[in-house]
Amino acid sequence: MRRAIGAGYLIQQSPGAEMVGGLEVVLRSPRSVPGGIRVTNTLWQSEGTREDIAEYQSQALAGLKAYAEEHNVDLTQFDVELCRFVVHDVDSMPKLYFLAAQNALECALNMWNRKPPA
């Protein structure tokens, strides 16, 4: 089974402009055709989960789909997982996850399409 992982995280700790957010996008060869998209509530660098991140997950999924549509990427050719969210109780905001998912998908696609070194 083939797999490519991309990540998009932003941690900005400037006084008055704090922002924290991000996630990973995992692309896998689909187990069945068409492939599917799964969004989990797993947290960055841990085995933990968090039940109160539905809005962030929703924005991440919207960002993923918007990127795929804009760049003519057929997501049904993969099993896609959005996971390992970075969440801060004060400094996270939904729009960060929209953008992070787009960046993470672009990174994962670049790895998926990269040719192995000779």
N, C-alpha and C. Protein backbone atom coordinates (compact mmCIF):
# COMPACT_ATOMS: atom_id res chain seq x y z
N MET A 1 0.84 -1.18 0.00
CA MET A 1 0.00 0.00 0.00
C MET A 1 0.88 1.24 0.00
N ARG A 2 0.56 2.15 -0.85
CA ARG A 2 1.31 3.40 -0.96
C ARG A 2 0.69 4.45 -0.04
N ARG A 3 1.56 5.34 0.51
CA ARG A 3 1.09 6.38 1.42
C ARG A 3 1.97 7.60 1.29
N ALA A 4 1.36 8.79 1.33
CA ALA A 4 2.09 10.06 1.35
C ALA A 4 1.43 10.93 2.41
N ILE A 5 2.27 11.62 3.18
CA ILE A 5 1.78 12.45 4.28
C ILE A 5 2.26 13.87 4.07
N GLY A 6 1.34 14.81 4.19
CA GLY A 6 1.68 16.23 4.14
C GLY A 6 1.15 16.89 5.41
N ALA A 7 1.83 17.94 5.83
CA ALA A 7 1.41 18.63 7.04
C ALA A 7 1.41 20.13 6.81
N GLY A 8 0.50 20.81 7.47
CA GLY A 8 0.45 22.26 7.46
C GLY A 8 0.15 22.75 8.86
N TYR A 9 1.11 23.44 9.46
CA TYR A 9 0.95 23.95 10.82
C TYR A 9 1.40 25.40 10.86
N LEU A 10 0.69 26.21 11.64
CA LEU A 10 1.10 27.59 11.89
C LEU A 10 1.11 27.82 13.39
N ILE A 11 2.25 28.24 13.89
CA ILE A 11 2.37 28.60 15.30
C ILE A 11 3.01 29.98 15.33
N GLN A 12 2.18 30.98 15.59
CA GLN A 12 2.64 32.37 15.61
C GLN A 12 2.39 32.93 17.00
N GLN A 13 3.44 33.33 17.67
CA GLN A 13 3.31 33.80 19.04
C GLN A 13 3.74 35.25 19.18
N SER A 14 3.25 36.10 18.29
CA SER A 14 3.50 37.53 18.36
C SER A 14 2.46 38.15 19.29
N PRO A 15 2.87 39.03 20.18
CA PRO A 15 1.91 39.65 21.10
C PRO A 15 0.76 40.32 20.34
N GLY A 16 -0.46 39.93 20.69
CA GLY A 16 -1.64 40.49 20.05
C GLY A 16 -2.03 39.82 18.75
N ALA A 17 -1.18 38.97 18.21
CA ALA A 17 -1.47 38.30 16.93
C ALA A 17 -1.20 36.81 17.03
N GLU A 18 -1.50 36.22 18.17
CA GLU A 18 -1.24 34.80 18.37
C GLU A 18 -2.18 33.95 17.52
N MET A 19 -1.63 32.94 16.87
CA MET A 19 -2.41 31.98 16.09
C MET A 19 -1.74 30.63 16.20
N VAL A 20 -2.53 29.61 16.41
CA VAL A 20 -2.02 28.25 16.49
C VAL A 20 -3.03 27.33 15.81
N GLY A 21 -2.56 26.53 14.87
CA GLY A 21 -3.45 25.57 14.23
C GLY A 21 -2.72 24.77 13.17
N GLY A 22 -3.29 23.64 12.82
CA GLY A 22 -2.72 22.82 11.76
C GLY A 22 -3.17 21.38 11.84
N LEU A 23 -2.73 20.60 10.85
CA LEU A 23 -3.12 19.20 10.75
C LEU A 23 -2.26 18.48 9.72
N GLU A 24 -2.43 17.18 9.66
CA GLU A 24 -1.81 16.35 8.63
C GLU A 24 -2.87 15.85 7.67
N VAL A 25 -2.45 15.66 6.42
CA VAL A 25 -3.27 14.98 5.42
C VAL A 25 -2.50 13.75 4.98
N VAL A 26 -3.15 12.60 5.08
CA VAL A 26 -2.54 11.33 4.68
C VAL A 26 -3.28 10.82 3.44
N LEU A 27 -2.53 10.58 2.38
CA LEU A 27 -3.07 9.97 1.16
C LEU A 27 -2.63 8.52 1.13
N ARG A 28 -3.57 7.62 0.86
CA ARG A 28 -3.26 6.19 0.74
C ARG A 28 -3.89 5.65 -0.53
N SER A 29 -3.30 4.58 -1.03
CA SER A 29 -3.96 3.86 -2.11
C SER A 29 -5.32 3.42 -1.59
N PRO A 30 -6.39 3.60 -2.37
CA PRO A 30 -7.71 3.27 -1.85
C PRO A 30 -7.90 1.77 -1.67
N ARG A 31 -8.61 1.42 -0.62
CA ARG A 31 -8.94 0.00 -0.37
C ARG A 31 -10.04 -0.46 -1.31
N SER A 32 -10.88 0.49 -1.71
CA SER A 32 -11.92 0.22 -2.69
C SER A 32 -12.08 1.47 -3.54
N VAL A 33 -12.71 1.30 -4.69
CA VAL A 33 -12.90 2.42 -5.60
C VAL A 33 -14.38 2.79 -5.57
N PRO A 34 -14.76 4.02 -5.34
CA PRO A 34 -13.87 5.16 -5.12
C PRO A 34 -13.32 5.18 -3.70
N GLY A 35 -12.23 5.93 -3.53
CA GLY A 35 -11.67 6.11 -2.20
C GLY A 35 -12.57 7.01 -1.37
N GLY A 36 -12.22 7.15 -0.10
CA GLY A 36 -13.04 7.96 0.79
C GLY A 36 -12.20 8.96 1.57
N ILE A 37 -12.89 9.83 2.27
CA ILE A 37 -12.25 10.83 3.12
C ILE A 37 -12.69 10.58 4.55
N ARG A 38 -11.71 10.57 5.45
CA ARG A 38 -11.98 10.38 6.87
C ARG A 38 -11.32 11.51 7.64
N VAL A 39 -12.07 12.11 8.54
CA VAL A 39 -11.54 13.17 9.39
C VAL A 39 -11.58 12.67 10.82
N THR A 40 -10.41 12.63 11.47
CA THR A 40 -10.36 12.15 12.84
C THR A 40 -10.09 13.30 13.79
N ASN A 41 -10.24 13.04 15.06
CA ASN A 41 -10.00 14.07 16.07
C ASN A 41 -8.70 13.83 16.82
N THR A 42 -7.74 13.19 16.17
CA THR A 42 -6.46 12.92 16.81
C THR A 42 -5.64 14.20 16.90
N LEU A 43 -4.79 14.25 17.90
CA LEU A 43 -4.01 15.46 18.18
C LEU A 43 -2.55 15.27 17.84
N TRP A 44 -1.91 16.36 17.49
CA TRP A 44 -0.52 16.44 17.07
C TRP A 44 0.40 15.86 18.13
N GLN A 45 1.33 15.03 17.72
CA GLN A 45 2.39 14.45 18.55
C GLN A 45 1.86 13.79 19.80
N SER A 46 0.70 13.15 19.69
CA SER A 46 0.17 12.45 20.85
C SER A 46 -0.77 11.35 20.38
N GLU A 47 -1.19 10.55 21.30
CA GLU A 47 -2.22 9.55 21.02
C GLU A 47 -3.58 10.06 21.48
N GLY A 48 -3.63 11.32 21.89
CA GLY A 48 -4.85 11.89 22.41
C GLY A 48 -5.85 12.25 21.34
N THR A 49 -7.08 12.47 21.77
CA THR A 49 -8.15 12.95 20.91
C THR A 49 -8.84 14.12 21.62
N ARG A 50 -9.63 14.82 20.86
CA ARG A 50 -10.36 15.96 21.42
C ARG A 50 -11.72 16.00 20.75
N GLU A 51 -12.76 16.06 21.54
CA GLU A 51 -14.12 15.97 21.01
C GLU A 51 -14.72 17.31 20.60
N ASP A 52 -14.07 18.42 20.90
CA ASP A 52 -14.67 19.74 20.67
C ASP A 52 -14.08 20.46 19.46
N ILE A 53 -13.64 19.73 18.45
CA ILE A 53 -12.99 20.39 17.31
C ILE A 53 -13.78 20.23 16.01
N ALA A 54 -15.08 20.02 16.11
CA ALA A 54 -15.90 19.80 14.91
C ALA A 54 -15.81 20.98 13.94
N GLU A 55 -15.80 22.20 14.43
CA GLU A 55 -15.73 23.36 13.53
C GLU A 55 -14.40 23.40 12.80
N TYR A 56 -13.31 23.06 13.48
CA TYR A 56 -12.00 23.02 12.84
C TYR A 56 -11.94 21.91 11.79
N GLN A 57 -12.52 20.76 12.13
CA GLN A 57 -12.56 19.65 11.19
C GLN A 57 -13.37 20.01 9.94
N SER A 58 -14.48 20.68 10.15
CA SER A 58 -15.34 21.09 9.04
C SER A 58 -14.61 22.06 8.11
N GLN A 59 -13.90 23.01 8.67
CA GLN A 59 -13.13 23.97 7.86
C GLN A 59 -11.99 23.26 7.13
N ALA A 60 -11.34 22.30 7.79
CA ALA A 60 -10.26 21.55 7.14
C ALA A 60 -10.80 20.78 5.94
N LEU A 61 -11.94 20.14 6.11
CA LEU A 61 -12.54 19.39 5.01
C LEU A 61 -12.92 20.33 3.86
N ALA A 62 -13.47 21.49 4.19
CA ALA A 62 -13.83 22.46 3.16
C ALA A 62 -12.58 22.94 2.41
N GLY A 63 -11.49 23.19 3.13
CA GLY A 63 -10.25 23.61 2.50
C GLY A 63 -9.68 22.54 1.59
N LEU A 64 -9.74 21.30 2.04
CA LEU A 64 -9.27 20.17 1.24
C LEU A 64 -10.04 20.09 -0.07
N LYS A 65 -11.35 20.15 0.02
CA LYS A 65 -12.19 20.04 -1.18
C LYS A 65 -12.01 21.24 -2.11
N ALA A 66 -11.86 22.42 -1.53
CA ALA A 66 -11.64 23.61 -2.36
C ALA A 66 -10.33 23.51 -3.13
N TYR A 67 -9.27 23.05 -2.47
CA TYR A 67 -7.98 22.90 -3.15
C TYR A 67 -8.10 21.87 -4.27
N ALA A 68 -8.73 20.74 -3.97
CA ALA A 68 -8.87 19.69 -4.98
C ALA A 68 -9.65 20.18 -6.19
N GLU A 69 -10.70 20.92 -5.96
CA GLU A 69 -11.50 21.44 -7.08
C GLU A 69 -10.70 22.45 -7.90
N GLU A 70 -10.01 23.35 -7.22
CA GLU A 70 -9.25 24.39 -7.91
C GLU A 70 -8.10 23.82 -8.73
N HIS A 71 -7.53 22.70 -8.28
CA HIS A 71 -6.37 22.12 -8.95
C HIS A 71 -6.69 20.82 -9.70
N ASN A 72 -7.97 20.56 -9.91
CA ASN A 72 -8.42 19.38 -10.66
C ASN A 72 -7.85 18.07 -10.10
N VAL A 73 -7.90 17.92 -8.80
CA VAL A 73 -7.44 16.70 -8.13
C VAL A 73 -8.67 15.84 -7.83
N ASP A 74 -8.66 14.62 -8.33
CA ASP A 74 -9.74 13.68 -8.07
C ASP A 74 -9.46 12.96 -6.76
N LEU A 75 -10.08 13.42 -5.68
CA LEU A 75 -9.82 12.82 -4.37
C LEU A 75 -10.33 11.38 -4.27
N THR A 76 -11.21 10.96 -5.18
CA THR A 76 -11.72 9.59 -5.10
C THR A 76 -10.67 8.55 -5.48
N GLN A 77 -9.52 9.00 -6.00
CA GLN A 77 -8.44 8.06 -6.32
C GLN A 77 -7.59 7.72 -5.09
N PHE A 78 -7.95 8.30 -3.94
CA PHE A 78 -7.21 8.07 -2.69
C PHE A 78 -8.17 7.72 -1.57
N ASP A 79 -7.62 7.12 -0.53
CA ASP A 79 -8.23 7.17 0.79
C ASP A 79 -7.51 8.31 1.48
N VAL A 80 -8.26 9.31 1.91
CA VAL A 80 -7.70 10.53 2.49
C VAL A 80 -8.06 10.58 3.97
N GLU A 81 -7.08 10.92 4.79
CA GLU A 81 -7.33 11.10 6.21
C GLU A 81 -6.81 12.47 6.64
N LEU A 82 -7.63 13.22 7.35
CA LEU A 82 -7.22 14.46 7.98
C LEU A 82 -7.09 14.15 9.47
N CYS A 83 -5.91 14.42 10.04
CA CYS A 83 -5.66 13.98 11.40
C CYS A 83 -4.58 14.85 12.06
N ARG A 84 -4.25 14.51 13.28
CA ARG A 84 -3.18 15.15 14.06
C ARG A 84 -3.33 16.67 14.10
N PHE A 85 -4.47 17.09 14.58
CA PHE A 85 -4.79 18.51 14.69
C PHE A 85 -4.01 19.15 15.84
N VAL A 86 -3.51 20.36 15.60
CA VAL A 86 -2.97 21.20 16.67
C VAL A 86 -4.10 22.14 17.06
N VAL A 87 -4.45 22.12 18.33
CA VAL A 87 -5.54 22.96 18.81
C VAL A 87 -5.10 23.69 20.07
N HIS A 88 -5.32 24.99 20.08
CA HIS A 88 -5.04 25.81 21.27
C HIS A 88 -6.37 26.39 21.73
N ASP A 89 -6.64 26.35 23.01
CA ASP A 89 -7.93 26.79 23.53
C ASP A 89 -8.25 28.24 23.21
N VAL A 90 -7.26 29.10 23.08
CA VAL A 90 -7.50 30.53 22.84
C VAL A 90 -7.09 30.94 21.43
N ASP A 91 -5.97 30.46 20.94
CA ASP A 91 -5.36 31.01 19.73
C ASP A 91 -5.68 30.26 18.44
N SER A 92 -6.51 29.23 18.48
CA SER A 92 -6.91 28.55 17.26
C SER A 92 -8.16 29.20 16.70
N MET A 93 -8.24 29.23 15.37
CA MET A 93 -9.42 29.78 14.71
C MET A 93 -9.73 28.93 13.47
N PRO A 94 -11.00 28.78 13.13
CA PRO A 94 -11.39 27.88 12.05
C PRO A 94 -10.68 28.13 10.72
N LYS A 95 -10.49 29.38 10.31
CA LYS A 95 -9.88 29.68 9.01
C LYS A 95 -8.47 29.09 8.89
N LEU A 96 -7.75 28.98 10.00
CA LEU A 96 -6.41 28.38 9.95
C LEU A 96 -6.47 26.94 9.43
N TYR A 97 -7.50 26.21 9.80
CA TYR A 97 -7.61 24.81 9.41
C TYR A 97 -7.99 24.66 7.94
N PHE A 98 -8.74 25.61 7.41
CA PHE A 98 -9.04 25.65 5.98
C PHE A 98 -7.74 25.75 5.20
N LEU A 99 -6.90 26.71 5.59
CA LEU A 99 -5.63 26.94 4.91
C LEU A 99 -4.63 25.82 5.17
N ALA A 100 -4.57 25.33 6.39
CA ALA A 100 -3.64 24.25 6.74
C ALA A 100 -3.93 22.99 5.94
N ALA A 101 -5.21 22.67 5.76
CA ALA A 101 -5.57 21.49 4.98
C ALA A 101 -5.14 21.64 3.53
N GLN A 102 -5.27 22.84 2.98
CA GLN A 102 -4.83 23.06 1.60
C GLN A 102 -3.32 22.88 1.48
N ASN A 103 -2.58 23.45 2.40
CA ASN A 103 -1.12 23.31 2.37
C ASN A 103 -0.70 21.86 2.57
N ALA A 104 -1.35 21.18 3.49
CA ALA A 104 -1.01 19.78 3.76
C ALA A 104 -1.33 18.89 2.56
N LEU A 105 -2.47 19.14 1.91
CA LEU A 105 -2.81 18.35 0.72
C LEU A 105 -1.80 18.59 -0.39
N GLU A 106 -1.43 19.83 -0.61
CA GLU A 106 -0.44 20.13 -1.65
C GLU A 106 0.87 19.40 -1.37
N CYS A 107 1.30 19.40 -0.13
CA CYS A 107 2.54 18.70 0.25
C CYS A 107 2.41 17.20 0.02
N ALA A 108 1.30 16.62 0.45
CA ALA A 108 1.10 15.18 0.27
C ALA A 108 1.06 14.81 -1.21
N LEU A 109 0.40 15.62 -2.02
CA LEU A 109 0.34 15.35 -3.47
C LEU A 109 1.73 15.45 -4.09
N ASN A 110 2.52 16.41 -3.66
CA ASN A 110 3.88 16.52 -4.18
C ASN A 110 4.68 15.26 -3.87
N MET A 111 4.54 14.73 -2.69
CA MET A 111 5.25 13.50 -2.33
C MET A 111 4.70 12.31 -3.11
N TRP A 112 3.39 12.25 -3.28
CA TRP A 112 2.76 11.15 -4.00
C TRP A 112 3.26 11.09 -5.44
N ASN A 113 3.42 12.25 -6.05
CA ASN A 113 3.81 12.32 -7.47
C ASN A 113 5.32 12.36 -7.70
N ARG A 114 6.09 12.43 -6.66
CA ARG A 114 7.55 12.50 -6.80
C ARG A 114 8.10 11.16 -7.29
N LYS A 115 9.03 11.25 -8.20
CA LYS A 115 9.71 10.05 -8.71
C LYS A 115 10.81 9.63 -7.74
N PRO A 116 10.98 8.36 -7.51
CA PRO A 116 12.07 7.91 -6.63
C PRO A 116 13.44 8.28 -7.22
N PRO A 117 14.41 8.55 -6.38
CA PRO A 117 15.76 8.86 -6.89
C PRO A 117 16.35 7.68 -7.65
N ALA A 118 17.13 7.99 -8.64
CA ALA A 118 17.74 6.93 -9.46
C ALA A 118 18.92 6.30 -8.76
